Amino acid sequence: MNVFRPTSMKARRSRTRLELQSLEAREVPATLLDLTTAGSEVTASGAIFQQTAPVANSSTFLSIQRNGMESGYNTDARPFQLDQTGGLTVTHSLLLSDIPTVTISGTTYREFVLDINQTTKKPLITLDELRIFLGSTGDLTGYNGKTRTLAGLTAVYNMDAVQDVSVRMNAALNGTSGPGDAFVLIPDSLFTGATYVYLYSKFGSANNGAETWSVRPVPPPPPTGVLSGYVYFDADNDGVREPNGNEDNVQEIGLSGVDVRLQGTNDLDQSIDIIVTTDANGYYEFTGLRPGNYSVTKLFDPPDFIDGKNTPGVPGNGMVQESNSDPNIPDMIFDIDLLSGESLTEYNFGELFQGNPN
């Protein structure tokens, strides 16, 4: 028997129903930077991460401990907001002056030491977030995970500034032989004007002891050196300063009020440019100099005098250029190597008298 079905019912059944479906929110996975092999190195947003052997003689300023995901920042404030642990000898404020610097390919960095602790069976851990904040006091608190600020301050360094990254590390490389698994080098240029430094970090897959941040002692500056000499009347034009009288019994006196310029580059690859004026005895002196390569230039002749002979205080350490009264040729002694704490003297400029003797 045939069953009659109304056309309207057929139409309803054949009609396709269109619906909008909400897609599940999904986070783009972070780019994984691999630091799990000995001696490996990666970079993120201008910072350098280096796997390292155990580091001796470092001082901890931040300890974080919690299984799974853990985070925290150094401060003198109590109680802790996040997963920090330890007393003021372990987690505390950090002065910029207590963070050592290293220079790589002409760029200066502030050096931090990271120590990780994982079980033998699961030695891998990831550093998922790293931010640096600067403050005028050592007791800031109040990290905001949504705005990623500390006490309302914006980070001067953010590991994820360029792209979302995580640094994967292997605690088994160093075992329990000592603190230190990685150096983290942050460009020094970011710390301008800082007094206190705050380091916020967040780790994933933590499963054992605390992760700690520390700094090595700041090495004392090298002993500074001195470079000095005279601008003097060289009566017999022999390039030898004879203040007590030459063979003709003429006193070769110093000439005051002459500007002498020091230029060069020190061991930190810093350009140096200083001008001093000779005193009543014709003496000039540049002090507080780091090791480096320098030149000294006499900027003008005193009245009634013209260029004479220039002489380096140490034969072979310094080359002489004499202007012979040509204003386009500097009167200078250059290519002077100054060692740490060294004092170089008698880098002298002789002058010939051309005025009226009466």
Protein backbone atom coordinates (compact mmCIF):
# COMPACT_ATOMS: atom_id res chain seq x y z
CA MET A 1 0.00 0.00 0.00
CA ASN A 2 1.29 3.40 -0.97
CA VAL A 3 1.47 5.97 1.74
CA PHE A 4 0.86 9.54 0.78
CA ARG A 5 3.32 12.06 2.30
CA PRO A 6 2.67 15.75 2.01
CA THR A 7 5.14 17.75 -0.05
CA SER A 8 5.75 20.12 2.85
CA MET A 9 7.00 17.26 5.01
CA LYS A 10 9.42 16.10 2.32
CA ALA A 11 10.72 19.59 2.01
CA ARG A 12 11.30 19.87 5.71
CA ARG A 13 13.25 16.60 5.80
CA SER A 14 15.42 17.40 2.82
CA ARG A 15 16.26 20.87 4.09
CA THR A 16 19.82 21.13 5.52
CA ARG A 17 20.08 23.07 8.75
CA LEU A 18 23.02 25.46 8.92
CA GLU A 19 24.48 26.29 12.33
CA LEU A 20 27.45 28.33 13.60
CA GLN A 21 29.72 26.30 15.83
CA SER A 22 32.03 27.93 18.35
CA LEU A 23 35.62 26.78 17.97
CA GLU A 24 37.51 25.73 21.07
CA ALA A 25 40.06 28.36 22.13
CA ARG A 26 43.53 27.01 21.50
CA GLU A 27 46.91 28.46 22.48
CA VAL A 28 49.73 28.41 19.95
CA PRO A 29 52.50 26.27 21.45
CA ALA A 30 55.70 28.07 22.37
CA THR A 31 58.81 27.64 20.25
CA LEU A 32 61.08 25.26 22.15
CA LEU A 33 64.72 26.31 22.46
CA ASP A 34 66.94 23.33 23.22
CA LEU A 35 69.58 23.68 25.93
CA THR A 36 69.72 19.99 26.81
CA THR A 37 73.20 19.17 25.51
CA ALA A 38 76.51 20.07 27.12
CA GLY A 39 77.84 23.43 25.94
CA SER A 40 74.71 24.33 23.98
CA GLU A 41 73.63 27.96 23.51
CA VAL A 42 70.41 29.65 22.43
CA THR A 43 69.18 33.24 22.22
CA ALA A 44 65.83 34.85 22.98
CA SER A 45 64.90 38.54 22.62
CA GLY A 46 68.54 39.62 22.73
CA ALA A 47 69.56 37.49 25.73
CA ILE A 48 71.97 34.55 25.60
CA PHE A 49 71.32 31.24 27.37
CA GLN A 50 74.36 28.98 27.79
CA GLN A 51 74.49 25.50 29.26
CA THR A 52 77.38 25.37 31.72
CA ALA A 53 79.25 23.03 34.00
CA PRO A 54 78.77 23.55 37.77
CA VAL A 55 79.58 27.11 38.83
CA ALA A 56 81.62 27.67 41.95
CA ASN A 57 81.24 30.55 44.39
CA SER A 58 77.86 31.98 43.40
CA SER A 59 75.38 33.67 45.74
CA THR A 60 71.68 32.76 45.55
CA PHE A 61 69.08 35.55 45.43
CA LEU A 62 65.95 33.60 44.37
CA SER A 63 64.65 30.10 45.15
CA ILE A 64 61.43 28.66 43.65
CA GLN A 65 59.91 25.26 44.42
CA ARG A 66 56.66 23.53 43.49
CA ASN A 67 55.83 20.40 41.52
CA GLY A 68 54.49 20.99 38.04
CA MET A 69 54.35 24.70 37.24
CA GLU A 70 56.27 27.06 39.54
CA SER A 71 57.01 30.78 39.48
CA GLY A 72 58.37 33.59 41.62
CA TYR A 73 60.57 36.66 41.88
CA ASN A 74 63.23 37.92 44.25
CA THR A 75 62.28 40.49 46.91
CA ASP A 76 62.75 41.37 50.56
CA ALA A 77 58.95 41.52 50.97
CA ARG A 78 57.22 38.89 53.08
CA PRO A 79 55.03 36.84 52.91
CA PHE A 80 55.82 35.44 49.47
CA GLN A 81 53.21 35.94 46.78
CA LEU A 82 54.07 32.93 44.60
CA ASP A 83 56.32 29.86 44.93
CA GLN A 84 59.41 31.50 46.42
CA THR A 85 61.14 29.72 49.29
CA GLY A 86 63.85 30.42 51.86
CA GLY A 87 64.80 33.20 54.24
CA LEU A 88 66.48 36.48 53.44
CA THR A 89 69.79 34.69 52.86
CA VAL A 90 68.19 32.75 49.98
CA THR A 91 65.50 34.93 48.41
CA HIS A 92 66.11 38.64 48.69
CA SER A 93 66.62 41.93 46.90
CA LEU A 94 69.43 42.27 44.37
CA LEU A 95 71.49 45.37 43.68
CA LEU A 96 72.59 46.05 40.12
CA SER A 97 76.11 46.63 41.45
CA ASP A 98 76.17 42.99 42.64
CA ILE A 99 75.55 41.55 39.16
CA PRO A 100 78.77 40.88 37.22
CA THR A 101 79.21 41.81 33.57
CA VAL A 102 80.67 39.89 30.67
CA THR A 103 81.50 41.22 27.21
CA ILE A 104 80.86 39.12 24.11
CA SER A 105 81.63 40.42 20.60
CA GLY A 106 81.68 43.99 21.87
CA THR A 107 78.32 43.76 23.72
CA THR A 108 78.22 43.88 27.52
CA TYR A 109 75.79 41.62 29.39
CA ARG A 110 74.70 41.14 33.00
CA GLU A 111 75.33 37.53 34.03
CA PHE A 112 72.86 35.38 36.01
CA VAL A 113 73.38 31.75 37.06
CA LEU A 114 70.46 29.28 36.96
CA ASP A 115 70.49 25.97 38.85
CA ILE A 116 67.78 23.36 38.16
CA ASN A 117 66.84 20.26 40.20
CA GLN A 118 64.94 17.35 38.69
CA THR A 119 64.59 13.62 39.35
CA THR A 120 66.92 11.18 37.64
CA LYS A 121 64.05 9.58 35.72
CA LYS A 122 62.58 12.90 34.53
CA PRO A 123 65.50 15.33 34.25
CA LEU A 124 63.96 17.77 31.75
CA ILE A 125 62.44 21.10 32.74
CA THR A 126 61.39 24.18 30.78
CA LEU A 127 61.93 27.85 31.54
CA ASP A 128 58.68 29.26 30.16
CA GLU A 129 58.83 32.88 31.23
CA LEU A 130 61.62 35.25 32.23
CA ARG A 131 61.23 38.96 32.90
CA ILE A 132 63.50 41.58 34.43
CA PHE A 133 62.16 44.58 36.35
CA LEU A 134 63.99 47.57 37.85
CA GLY A 135 63.11 49.29 41.11
CA SER A 136 64.35 51.95 43.52
CA THR A 137 63.67 49.81 46.60
CA GLY A 138 64.28 46.16 47.42
CA ASP A 139 60.86 45.15 48.77
CA LEU A 140 58.54 45.34 45.76
CA THR A 141 55.68 42.85 45.58
CA GLY A 142 52.50 42.29 43.61
CA TYR A 143 53.18 40.41 40.37
CA ASN A 144 50.24 40.56 37.96
CA GLY A 145 50.13 37.57 35.63
CA LYS A 146 47.60 39.19 33.28
CA THR A 147 49.42 42.49 32.75
CA ARG A 148 52.83 40.88 33.38
CA THR A 149 53.87 43.75 35.61
CA LEU A 150 55.48 43.89 39.04
CA ALA A 151 54.11 46.52 41.42
CA GLY A 152 52.80 48.27 38.30
CA LEU A 153 56.23 48.28 36.64
CA THR A 154 56.76 47.06 33.09
CA ALA A 155 59.57 44.60 32.43
CA VAL A 156 62.71 45.98 30.81
CA TYR A 157 63.42 42.48 29.51
CA ASN A 158 60.85 39.89 28.42
CA MET A 159 62.02 36.53 27.05
CA ASP A 160 58.84 36.34 24.97
CA ALA A 161 59.03 39.85 23.52
CA VAL A 162 59.84 38.67 19.99
CA GLN A 163 57.95 35.37 20.09
CA ASP A 164 56.60 32.94 22.68
CA VAL A 165 59.52 30.66 23.60
CA SER A 166 60.46 28.10 26.22
CA VAL A 167 64.00 26.97 27.03
CA ARG A 168 64.27 23.26 27.71
CA MET A 169 67.10 22.15 30.03
CA ASN A 170 68.47 18.85 31.30
CA ALA A 171 69.32 18.53 34.99
CA ALA A 172 71.14 15.24 34.35
CA LEU A 173 74.04 16.99 32.61
CA ASN A 174 75.50 18.18 35.91
CA GLY A 175 73.78 15.80 38.31
CA THR A 176 74.38 16.78 41.93
CA SER A 177 77.97 17.90 41.42
CA GLY A 178 77.32 21.55 42.23
CA PRO A 179 75.12 24.59 41.62
CA GLY A 180 74.72 26.05 38.20
CA ASP A 181 73.29 24.59 35.00
CA ALA A 182 73.01 27.66 32.78
CA PHE A 183 74.28 31.19 32.37
CA VAL A 184 71.64 33.72 31.36
CA LEU A 185 73.13 36.90 29.89
CA ILE A 186 70.89 39.97 29.64
CA PRO A 187 72.12 43.04 27.68
CA ASP A 188 73.57 45.58 30.10
CA SER A 189 72.03 48.44 28.12
CA LEU A 190 68.61 47.50 29.55
CA PHE A 191 69.70 48.25 33.13
CA THR A 192 70.33 51.99 32.73
CA GLY A 193 69.51 53.90 35.91
CA ALA A 194 68.76 50.77 37.94
CA THR A 195 69.37 50.40 41.67
CA TYR A 196 67.53 47.14 42.42
CA VAL A 197 66.93 44.32 39.95
CA TYR A 198 64.00 41.90 40.08
CA LEU A 199 63.99 38.61 38.18
CA TYR A 200 60.67 36.85 37.61
CA SER A 201 60.76 33.32 36.19
CA LYS A 202 58.24 30.57 35.52
CA PHE A 203 59.08 26.89 35.00
CA GLY A 204 57.13 23.92 33.68
CA SER A 205 57.48 20.20 34.52
CA ALA A 206 59.26 20.85 37.84
CA ASN A 207 59.41 17.65 39.90
CA ASN A 208 62.12 17.78 42.56
CA GLY A 209 64.12 20.37 44.53
CA ALA A 210 64.14 24.13 44.15
CA GLU A 211 65.23 26.04 41.07
CA THR A 212 67.59 28.80 42.14
CA TRP A 213 69.01 31.95 40.62
CA SER A 214 72.36 33.32 41.74
CA VAL A 215 75.18 35.66 40.75
CA ARG A 216 78.90 35.22 40.88
CA PRO A 217 81.00 37.79 42.78
CA VAL A 218 81.71 40.98 40.90
CA PRO A 219 85.46 40.98 40.25
CA PRO A 220 87.36 43.97 41.56
CA PRO A 221 88.30 46.51 38.89
CA PRO A 222 91.85 46.27 37.61
CA PRO A 223 94.36 48.67 39.16
CA THR A 224 94.23 51.96 37.31
CA GLY A 225 97.25 53.47 35.63
CA VAL A 226 98.80 56.88 35.04
CA LEU A 227 100.18 58.52 31.91
CA SER A 228 102.12 61.75 32.41
CA GLY A 229 104.82 64.03 31.05
CA TYR A 230 105.93 67.61 30.48
CA VAL A 231 105.70 70.41 27.99
CA TYR A 232 109.08 72.13 28.44
CA PHE A 233 111.64 74.53 26.96
CA ASP A 234 114.22 72.32 25.21
CA ALA A 235 117.06 74.87 24.99
CA ASP A 236 119.47 72.65 23.03
CA ASN A 237 116.76 70.81 21.04
CA ASP A 238 118.07 67.37 22.00
CA GLY A 239 114.79 65.87 23.20
CA VAL A 240 116.09 65.45 26.76
CA ARG A 241 114.42 67.39 29.58
CA GLU A 242 117.13 68.94 31.77
CA PRO A 243 115.38 71.03 34.45
CA ASN A 244 118.59 71.55 36.42
CA GLY A 245 120.49 72.90 33.44
CA ASN A 246 121.99 71.53 30.26
CA GLU A 247 125.62 71.54 29.19
CA ASP A 248 125.34 75.27 28.56
CA ASN A 249 123.97 75.68 32.08
CA VAL A 250 120.54 76.70 30.75
CA GLN A 251 117.57 75.58 32.83
CA GLU A 252 115.00 73.81 30.67
CA ILE A 253 111.92 74.99 32.48
CA GLY A 254 108.39 73.59 32.18
CA LEU A 255 105.75 75.58 30.31
CA SER A 256 102.39 76.09 32.01
CA GLY A 257 98.89 76.52 30.60
CA VAL A 258 99.26 74.16 27.64
CA ASP A 259 96.38 71.79 26.89
CA VAL A 260 97.26 68.13 26.34
CA ARG A 261 94.72 65.62 25.05
CA LEU A 262 94.56 61.89 25.79
CA GLN A 263 92.69 59.66 23.37
CA GLY A 264 92.45 55.92 22.94
CA THR A 265 90.55 52.72 23.66
CA ASN A 266 90.68 50.79 26.93
CA ASP A 267 90.35 47.07 27.63
CA LEU A 268 86.53 47.37 27.76
CA ASP A 269 86.57 48.69 24.19
CA GLN A 270 85.52 52.11 25.50
CA SER A 271 86.68 55.26 23.72
CA ILE A 272 88.60 57.68 25.96
CA ASP A 273 89.00 61.41 25.27
CA ILE A 274 90.32 63.69 28.07
CA ILE A 275 92.01 67.10 28.08
CA VAL A 276 94.18 68.46 30.90
CA THR A 277 96.31 71.60 31.24
CA THR A 278 99.96 71.69 32.26
CA ASP A 279 100.66 73.11 35.72
CA ALA A 280 103.23 75.71 36.78
CA ASN A 281 106.02 73.19 36.16
CA GLY A 282 104.75 72.21 32.70
CA TYR A 283 103.54 68.88 34.09
CA TYR A 284 100.44 67.06 32.85
CA GLU A 285 98.92 63.86 34.19
CA PHE A 286 96.08 61.49 33.26
CA THR A 287 95.02 59.25 36.15
CA GLY A 288 92.52 56.44 36.72
CA LEU A 289 93.24 54.85 33.35
CA ARG A 290 92.27 51.28 32.58
CA PRO A 291 94.65 49.20 30.47
CA GLY A 292 94.53 50.26 26.85
CA ASN A 293 96.19 51.87 23.86
CA TYR A 294 96.48 55.65 24.01
CA SER A 295 97.89 58.77 22.40
CA VAL A 296 98.75 62.17 23.87
CA THR A 297 98.53 65.30 21.76
CA LYS A 298 99.79 68.82 22.50
CA LEU A 299 96.96 71.08 21.34
CA PHE A 300 98.89 74.32 20.94
CA ASP A 301 102.26 75.97 21.55
CA PRO A 302 102.66 78.54 24.32
CA PRO A 303 103.39 82.15 23.24
CA ASP A 304 106.90 82.71 21.79
CA PHE A 305 107.52 78.95 21.33
CA ILE A 306 107.34 76.52 18.41
CA ASP A 307 107.42 72.74 18.18
CA GLY A 308 110.55 70.92 19.22
CA LYS A 309 111.19 67.21 19.74
CA ASN A 310 108.67 64.81 21.31
CA THR A 311 109.97 61.85 23.30
CA PRO A 312 108.22 58.77 24.75
CA GLY A 313 109.07 58.00 28.37
CA VAL A 314 109.63 54.32 27.56
CA PRO A 315 111.70 53.73 24.42
CA GLY A 316 109.68 51.66 21.96
CA ASN A 317 106.36 52.25 23.74
CA GLY A 318 104.96 55.14 21.77
CA MET A 319 105.56 56.58 18.33
CA VAL A 320 106.35 60.24 17.73
CA GLN A 321 104.67 62.61 15.32
CA GLU A 322 105.94 66.19 15.19
CA SER A 323 103.98 68.93 13.53
CA ASN A 324 106.99 71.12 12.61
CA SER A 325 104.61 74.07 13.05
CA ASP A 326 102.22 72.72 10.42
CA PRO A 327 98.74 73.31 11.89
CA ASN A 328 97.33 70.38 9.91
CA ILE A 329 99.65 67.84 11.58
CA PRO A 330 98.95 67.11 15.28
CA ASP A 331 101.97 67.22 17.58
CA MET A 332 101.58 63.88 19.32
CA ILE A 333 102.98 60.69 20.81
CA PHE A 334 100.75 57.75 19.86
CA ASP A 335 100.43 53.95 20.06
CA ILE A 336 101.21 53.93 23.79
CA ASP A 337 100.33 50.62 25.48
CA LEU A 338 99.36 51.06 29.13
CA LEU A 339 99.17 47.89 31.24
CA SER A 340 97.03 47.32 34.32
CA GLY A 341 98.18 49.57 37.16
CA GLU A 342 101.14 50.84 35.16
CA SER A 343 102.57 54.36 35.55
CA LEU A 344 104.17 55.76 32.42
CA THR A 345 106.06 59.05 32.84
CA GLU A 346 108.14 61.51 30.81
CA TYR A 347 106.01 61.45 27.68
CA ASN A 348 107.34 64.90 26.85
CA PHE A 349 106.86 67.68 24.33
CA GLY A 350 109.93 69.84 23.76
CA GLU A 351 109.47 73.48 22.72
CA LEU A 352 111.92 75.88 21.01
CA PHE A 353 112.04 79.53 22.04
CA GLN A 354 111.33 81.94 19.18
CA GLY A 355 110.50 85.12 21.04
CA ASN A 356 112.50 88.19 21.98
CA PRO A 357 115.03 87.15 24.67
CA ASN A 358 114.74 90.65 26.18
